[in-house]
Amino acid sequence: MRRTALYEEQTAVRERAGLVDTSQLQVVSVCGPQAVAGLERLLPRRVDDMLPGTSRFSVVLSRFGRVYDEALVMRLDAETFWICHGSGGTKKSLAKLGVDAEPLEDLHVLALQGPDSARALAPLLDRSLELAFLGHRPAVLGGHPVRLSRTGFTGFTGELGFEVFCSSADVLPIWRMLLAEGLVPYGYRCVDLLRIEAGFLLHPTDLGLVGSIWDAGLGWLVRGKEADFTGREAVERGRGQAKHRLVGVRCAGEHVITRGDAIQRSGEDAGLITSAAYSPASDETLCIARVGRDEPRSGPVTCGEASGVVTGLPFRARRTDQPYS
């Protein structure tokens, strides 16, 4: 085991707490009397029954039923939502539907992740932390107004974690205050490793290589959805017709394995890699792979010159919703 910077960041988040700037996350505000109706047309998951102060994960689909973006829906009040999304086409999709969405360009997002994140955050707040999993609320952090959430969407670690939404004027002093509480800064190489360990799928890295919401294992998002939404016809046609699924692959040691690399079983093509990262803590290269629906759920495979074993996902049990009081 090599005690590299990546190892130090990985173990800090898993055993204590880390801090990462996730301000690349795009956030749009959807407001007004038509906000619910507009989001119901956009998303395959319901939002009409959400309570203010809660969040829901969803995806955005193309009209062909393919995953176009991932999205976290935050309901602030009866007519105001924030949509936190990645690099996909959420804003474009909203515009096509005629939904008025305002990009929150001055909004920055810091993610605290790890078992000690609550203990580091609590002393800086104006009142008791008391935030349920997937909850969010306004707060004052060290004298700075913020919106505090507990979703894990931005940190992608599977650990207990919080997000701090703040303005550009406040982000640097808040960052410094959090570091002074003992949080360890970590970078995007570590973010990718941690989210692969936790089995979180990313667009377009993983979700862009699956054929449908069913192939991605995300069919549960449409449960109970009665209102029409973009891609519904394709989703219904594909029900029960998934051709692929996503699995984990463990390869002992460090290997150069990249997105799109083929995996083979007994010399025959069995699928392809969607994500891979080396874990210095376990001395393994961990991969997420797309395989045929009928492929065995375990057993040896090869990824180029690396030997691996197929496993389930996640590689590490998630503790996102664990109690912290």
Protein backbone atom coordinates (compact mmCIF):
# COMPACT_ATOMS: atom_id res chain seq x y z
CA MET A 1 0.00 0.00 0.00
CA ARG A 2 1.46 3.36 -1.03
CA ARG A 3 0.59 6.28 1.19
CA THR A 4 0.04 8.73 -1.65
CA ALA A 5 -1.93 11.98 -1.55
CA LEU A 6 -4.88 10.03 -2.98
CA TYR A 7 -4.61 7.50 -0.13
CA GLU A 8 -4.55 10.29 2.47
CA GLU A 9 -7.64 11.93 0.94
CA GLN A 10 -9.51 8.63 0.60
CA THR A 11 -8.89 7.55 4.18
CA ALA A 12 -9.65 11.04 5.53
CA VAL A 13 -13.16 10.95 4.01
CA ARG A 14 -13.81 7.33 4.96
CA GLU A 15 -12.53 7.60 8.54
CA ARG A 16 -12.87 11.30 9.48
CA ALA A 17 -14.21 14.00 7.14
CA GLY A 18 -13.22 15.75 3.94
CA LEU A 19 -14.15 18.95 2.14
CA VAL A 20 -14.47 19.44 -1.61
CA ASP A 21 -15.56 22.36 -3.80
CA THR A 22 -18.32 21.06 -6.08
CA SER A 23 -19.25 24.41 -7.59
CA GLN A 24 -19.11 22.88 -11.08
CA LEU A 25 -22.58 21.56 -10.21
CA GLN A 26 -25.16 23.52 -12.18
CA VAL A 27 -28.18 24.77 -10.29
CA VAL A 28 -31.30 26.30 -11.84
CA SER A 29 -34.30 27.79 -10.08
CA VAL A 30 -37.79 26.96 -11.34
CA CYS A 31 -40.43 29.24 -9.81
CA GLY A 32 -44.05 30.18 -10.16
CA PRO A 33 -47.53 28.64 -10.34
CA GLN A 34 -46.51 26.39 -13.26
CA ALA A 35 -43.33 25.07 -11.65
CA VAL A 36 -44.83 21.74 -10.54
CA ALA A 37 -46.53 21.13 -13.88
CA GLY A 38 -43.33 21.95 -15.78
CA LEU A 39 -41.19 19.62 -13.72
CA GLU A 40 -43.78 16.86 -13.97
CA ARG A 41 -43.44 17.11 -17.78
CA LEU A 42 -39.64 17.03 -17.55
CA LEU A 43 -38.93 14.28 -15.04
CA PRO A 44 -39.87 10.59 -14.86
CA ARG A 45 -40.15 10.85 -11.07
CA ARG A 46 -42.99 12.61 -9.25
CA VAL A 47 -42.40 16.02 -7.68
CA ASP A 48 -45.99 17.12 -7.04
CA ASP A 49 -46.11 15.35 -3.67
CA MET A 50 -42.79 16.70 -2.37
CA LEU A 51 -42.81 18.72 0.86
CA PRO A 52 -40.85 21.98 1.15
CA GLY A 53 -37.43 21.32 2.61
CA THR A 54 -37.05 17.90 0.96
CA SER A 55 -35.06 16.61 -2.02
CA ARG A 56 -35.41 13.82 -4.57
CA PHE A 57 -32.99 12.24 -7.00
CA SER A 58 -34.16 11.87 -10.58
CA VAL A 59 -32.84 11.83 -14.12
CA VAL A 60 -33.69 13.75 -17.28
CA LEU A 61 -34.50 11.64 -20.33
CA SER A 62 -34.36 12.27 -24.04
CA ARG A 63 -37.49 11.56 -26.09
CA PHE A 64 -35.87 8.20 -26.92
CA GLY A 65 -35.83 7.27 -23.23
CA ARG A 66 -32.06 7.54 -22.82
CA VAL A 67 -30.61 9.21 -19.73
CA TYR A 68 -29.74 12.79 -20.68
CA ASP A 69 -28.64 14.10 -17.28
CA GLU A 70 -28.84 13.34 -13.57
CA ALA A 71 -30.74 15.75 -11.35
CA LEU A 72 -31.43 16.46 -7.70
CA VAL A 73 -34.77 18.22 -7.14
CA MET A 74 -34.96 20.45 -4.05
CA ARG A 75 -38.31 21.97 -3.11
CA LEU A 76 -37.93 25.29 -1.27
CA ASP A 77 -41.61 26.22 -1.03
CA ALA A 78 -44.92 25.61 -2.80
CA GLU A 79 -43.80 27.29 -6.05
CA THR A 80 -39.98 27.26 -5.89
CA PHE A 81 -37.60 24.43 -6.80
CA TRP A 82 -33.87 24.15 -7.31
CA ILE A 83 -32.67 21.60 -9.85
CA CYS A 84 -29.05 20.58 -9.25
CA HIS A 85 -27.67 18.80 -12.28
CA GLY A 86 -24.44 17.76 -13.94
CA SER A 87 -23.11 18.27 -17.44
CA GLY A 88 -26.17 17.10 -19.36
CA GLY A 89 -29.06 18.86 -21.05
CA THR A 90 -31.40 19.80 -18.20
CA LYS A 91 -31.49 23.52 -18.99
CA LYS A 92 -32.04 22.84 -22.68
CA SER A 93 -34.83 20.37 -21.90
CA LEU A 94 -36.57 22.90 -19.65
CA ALA A 95 -36.38 25.52 -22.39
CA LYS A 96 -37.91 23.11 -24.94
CA LEU A 97 -40.82 22.55 -22.58
CA GLY A 98 -41.32 26.28 -22.13
CA VAL A 99 -40.44 26.12 -18.43
CA ASP A 100 -38.95 29.33 -17.05
CA ALA A 101 -35.67 28.37 -15.35
CA GLU A 102 -33.11 30.81 -13.97
CA PRO A 103 -29.48 29.64 -13.70
CA LEU A 104 -28.11 30.49 -10.24
CA GLU A 105 -24.71 31.57 -11.53
CA ASP A 106 -23.48 33.11 -8.26
CA LEU A 107 -24.22 29.98 -6.26
CA HIS A 108 -21.28 27.93 -4.97
CA VAL A 109 -21.47 24.46 -3.43
CA LEU A 110 -19.13 22.97 -0.84
CA ALA A 111 -19.52 19.32 0.20
CA LEU A 112 -18.52 17.94 3.61
CA GLN A 113 -18.28 14.16 3.57
CA GLY A 114 -17.33 11.61 6.20
CA PRO A 115 -18.34 10.24 9.61
CA ASP A 116 -17.08 13.37 11.42
CA SER A 117 -18.71 15.90 9.05
CA ALA A 118 -21.59 16.72 11.43
CA ARG A 119 -19.21 17.31 14.35
CA ALA A 120 -17.16 19.71 12.22
CA LEU A 121 -20.20 21.59 10.93
CA ALA A 122 -22.33 21.92 14.07
CA PRO A 123 -20.17 24.47 16.01
CA LEU A 124 -20.34 26.95 13.12
CA LEU A 125 -24.15 27.02 12.78
CA ASP A 126 -26.58 29.52 14.27
CA ARG A 127 -28.74 26.72 15.69
CA SER A 128 -28.84 22.95 16.15
CA LEU A 129 -27.92 20.98 13.02
CA GLU A 130 -30.99 18.66 13.10
CA LEU A 131 -31.26 17.88 9.41
CA ALA A 132 -32.88 14.67 8.16
CA PHE A 133 -31.45 12.74 5.22
CA LEU A 134 -32.49 14.46 1.95
CA GLY A 135 -33.53 17.55 3.92
CA HIS A 136 -32.38 21.14 3.41
CA ARG A 137 -33.01 24.52 5.05
CA PRO A 138 -31.65 28.07 5.30
CA ALA A 139 -28.94 28.53 7.91
CA VAL A 140 -26.26 30.95 9.07
CA LEU A 141 -22.78 29.44 9.04
CA GLY A 142 -20.14 31.50 10.83
CA GLY A 143 -22.15 34.63 10.17
CA HIS A 144 -22.74 33.85 6.47
CA PRO A 145 -26.22 33.04 5.04
CA VAL A 146 -26.30 29.61 3.36
CA ARG A 147 -28.65 26.83 2.39
CA LEU A 148 -27.62 23.63 4.11
CA SER A 149 -28.59 20.24 2.67
CA ARG A 150 -27.94 16.59 3.49
CA THR A 151 -28.16 14.65 0.24
CA GLY A 152 -24.70 13.34 -0.68
CA PHE A 153 -25.50 14.24 -4.32
CA THR A 154 -22.48 16.52 -4.74
CA GLY A 155 -19.95 14.59 -2.66
CA PHE A 156 -20.72 11.15 -4.18
CA THR A 157 -19.05 9.24 -1.35
CA GLY A 158 -21.79 7.18 0.27
CA GLU A 159 -20.78 8.64 3.64
CA LEU A 160 -22.69 10.90 5.99
CA GLY A 161 -22.40 14.29 4.33
CA PHE A 162 -23.71 17.80 3.91
CA GLU A 163 -23.75 20.47 1.21
CA VAL A 164 -23.34 24.19 1.80
CA PHE A 165 -24.87 26.42 -0.89
CA CYS A 166 -23.51 29.97 -0.66
CA SER A 167 -22.63 33.07 -2.68
CA SER A 168 -19.24 33.79 -4.26
CA ALA A 169 -18.64 36.50 -1.66
CA ASP A 170 -19.01 33.95 1.16
CA VAL A 171 -17.43 30.81 -0.25
CA LEU A 172 -13.78 31.53 0.61
CA PRO A 173 -14.31 32.51 4.27
CA ILE A 174 -16.63 29.50 4.71
CA TRP A 175 -14.02 27.22 3.12
CA ARG A 176 -11.37 28.52 5.53
CA MET A 177 -13.65 28.11 8.55
CA LEU A 178 -14.41 24.50 7.64
CA LEU A 179 -10.74 23.66 7.15
CA ALA A 180 -10.04 25.16 10.58
CA GLU A 181 -12.47 22.56 12.01
CA GLY A 182 -10.15 19.80 10.84
CA LEU A 183 -11.68 18.90 7.49
CA VAL A 184 -9.23 17.56 4.89
CA PRO A 185 -9.56 18.99 1.34
CA TYR A 186 -9.85 16.40 -1.41
CA GLY A 187 -9.85 16.63 -5.19
CA TYR A 188 -11.72 15.21 -8.15
CA ARG A 189 -9.54 12.15 -8.58
CA CYS A 190 -10.61 11.21 -5.07
CA VAL A 191 -14.24 12.16 -5.78
CA ASP A 192 -14.30 9.72 -8.70
CA LEU A 193 -12.74 6.94 -6.64
CA LEU A 194 -15.13 7.44 -3.72
CA ARG A 195 -18.25 7.49 -5.89
CA ILE A 196 -17.14 4.31 -7.72
CA GLU A 197 -16.57 2.61 -4.34
CA ALA A 198 -20.09 3.67 -3.34
CA GLY A 199 -21.54 2.46 -6.66
CA PHE A 200 -22.93 5.86 -7.70
CA LEU A 201 -23.51 6.24 -11.43
CA LEU A 202 -22.47 9.37 -13.27
CA HIS A 203 -23.68 11.00 -16.49
CA PRO A 204 -22.33 10.70 -19.12
CA THR A 205 -19.55 8.41 -17.82
CA ASP A 206 -21.76 5.46 -16.84
CA LEU A 207 -25.30 6.48 -17.73
CA GLY A 208 -24.27 7.56 -21.24
CA LEU A 209 -23.27 3.98 -22.07
CA VAL A 210 -26.52 2.29 -21.08
CA GLY A 211 -29.39 1.98 -23.50
CA SER A 212 -32.30 2.96 -21.28
CA ILE A 213 -33.47 3.80 -17.80
CA TRP A 214 -34.13 0.06 -17.37
CA ASP A 215 -30.58 -0.90 -18.37
CA ALA A 216 -29.31 1.57 -15.77
CA GLY A 217 -31.36 -0.09 -13.04
CA LEU A 218 -33.29 3.15 -12.52
CA GLY A 219 -36.76 1.97 -13.46
CA TRP A 220 -37.90 2.59 -9.89
CA LEU A 221 -37.89 6.32 -10.69
CA VAL A 222 -41.11 5.99 -12.72
CA ARG A 223 -43.02 4.17 -9.94
CA GLY A 224 -46.30 5.93 -9.18
CA LYS A 225 -45.85 8.48 -11.97
CA GLU A 226 -49.16 9.28 -13.66
CA ALA A 227 -48.38 12.57 -15.40
CA ASP A 228 -46.79 12.43 -18.84
CA PHE A 229 -43.05 13.15 -19.11
CA THR A 230 -40.38 13.43 -21.79
CA GLY A 231 -39.45 9.96 -23.08
CA ARG A 232 -42.45 8.18 -21.55
CA GLU A 233 -43.41 6.28 -24.70
CA ALA A 234 -39.88 4.91 -25.07
CA VAL A 235 -39.74 4.04 -21.37
CA GLU A 236 -42.98 2.09 -21.58
CA ARG A 237 -41.86 0.28 -24.74
CA GLY A 238 -38.69 -0.75 -22.96
CA ARG A 239 -40.37 -2.04 -19.82
CA GLY A 240 -39.16 -5.59 -19.23
CA GLN A 241 -36.84 -5.37 -22.26
CA ALA A 242 -33.52 -4.39 -20.66
CA LYS A 243 -30.54 -5.72 -22.62
CA HIS A 244 -27.79 -4.75 -20.19
CA ARG A 245 -27.04 -4.18 -16.51
CA LEU A 246 -24.21 -2.61 -14.56
CA VAL A 247 -21.88 -4.63 -12.34
CA GLY A 248 -18.68 -4.14 -10.40
CA VAL A 249 -15.31 -5.59 -11.35
CA ARG A 250 -12.38 -5.87 -8.90
CA CYS A 251 -8.86 -6.13 -10.31
CA ALA A 252 -6.04 -6.71 -7.82
CA GLY A 253 -3.31 -4.06 -8.05
CA GLU A 254 -3.07 -0.85 -10.05
CA HIS A 255 -3.95 -0.99 -13.75
CA VAL A 256 -4.65 1.48 -16.53
CA ILE A 257 -8.28 0.67 -17.35
CA THR A 258 -10.37 3.31 -19.13
CA ARG A 259 -13.96 3.91 -20.16
CA GLY A 260 -14.89 1.84 -23.19
CA ASP A 261 -12.34 -0.92 -22.61
CA ALA A 262 -13.73 -4.38 -23.30
CA ILE A 263 -14.07 -7.05 -20.65
CA GLN A 264 -13.91 -10.72 -21.59
CA ARG A 265 -15.03 -13.96 -20.01
CA SER A 266 -13.38 -17.17 -21.24
CA GLY A 267 -12.02 -15.29 -24.25
CA GLU A 268 -15.42 -13.94 -25.32
CA ASP A 269 -16.54 -10.32 -25.13
CA ALA A 270 -18.79 -9.87 -22.09
CA GLY A 271 -19.20 -6.11 -21.83
CA LEU A 272 -17.32 -2.87 -21.48
CA ILE A 273 -15.97 -0.62 -18.76
CA THR A 274 -17.89 2.57 -17.96
CA SER A 275 -15.73 3.81 -15.02
CA ALA A 276 -12.53 2.74 -13.30
CA ALA A 277 -10.30 4.03 -10.51
CA TYR A 278 -7.41 2.70 -8.46
CA SER A 279 -8.04 2.42 -4.71
CA PRO A 280 -4.77 2.74 -2.79
CA ALA A 281 -6.50 1.73 0.47
CA SER A 282 -7.39 -1.73 -0.89
CA ASP A 283 -4.72 -1.91 -3.63
CA GLU A 284 -7.36 -2.71 -6.24
CA THR A 285 -8.56 -1.16 -9.47
CA LEU A 286 -12.34 -0.88 -9.12
CA CYS A 287 -14.49 -0.79 -12.23
CA ILE A 288 -18.13 -0.30 -13.12
CA ALA A 289 -18.99 -2.30 -16.24
CA ARG A 290 -21.92 -2.72 -18.60
CA VAL A 291 -22.59 -6.37 -19.34
CA GLY A 292 -25.29 -8.36 -21.08
CA ARG A 293 -28.41 -8.98 -19.07
CA ASP A 294 -27.78 -12.73 -19.03
CA GLU A 295 -24.11 -12.55 -18.04
CA PRO A 296 -23.26 -14.35 -14.75
CA ARG A 297 -23.28 -12.14 -11.65
CA SER A 298 -19.89 -13.39 -10.48
CA GLY A 299 -16.78 -15.08 -11.75
CA PRO A 300 -13.44 -14.22 -13.38
CA VAL A 301 -13.05 -11.80 -16.30
CA THR A 302 -10.19 -9.95 -17.95
CA CYS A 303 -9.89 -6.24 -18.70
CA GLY A 304 -7.05 -5.97 -21.21
CA GLU A 305 -4.07 -7.52 -19.41
CA ALA A 306 -5.70 -7.23 -15.97
CA SER A 307 -7.51 -10.13 -14.34
CA GLY A 308 -10.67 -9.29 -12.43
CA VAL A 309 -13.68 -10.71 -10.64
CA VAL A 310 -17.28 -9.61 -11.23
CA THR A 311 -19.11 -8.46 -8.10
CA GLY A 312 -22.26 -6.60 -7.18
CA LEU A 313 -22.45 -2.86 -6.56
CA PRO A 314 -21.66 -0.96 -4.44
CA PHE A 315 -18.14 -2.02 -3.52
CA ARG A 316 -18.58 -0.35 -0.14
CA ALA A 317 -21.76 -0.14 1.93
CA ARG A 318 -23.31 3.33 1.84
CA ARG A 319 -23.75 5.22 5.09
CA THR A 320 -25.37 8.33 3.64
CA ASP A 321 -28.43 8.20 5.89
CA GLN A 322 -26.72 7.09 9.11
CA PRO A 323 -27.62 8.93 12.34
CA TYR A 324 -25.11 11.45 13.56
CA SER A 325 -26.49 12.76 16.84
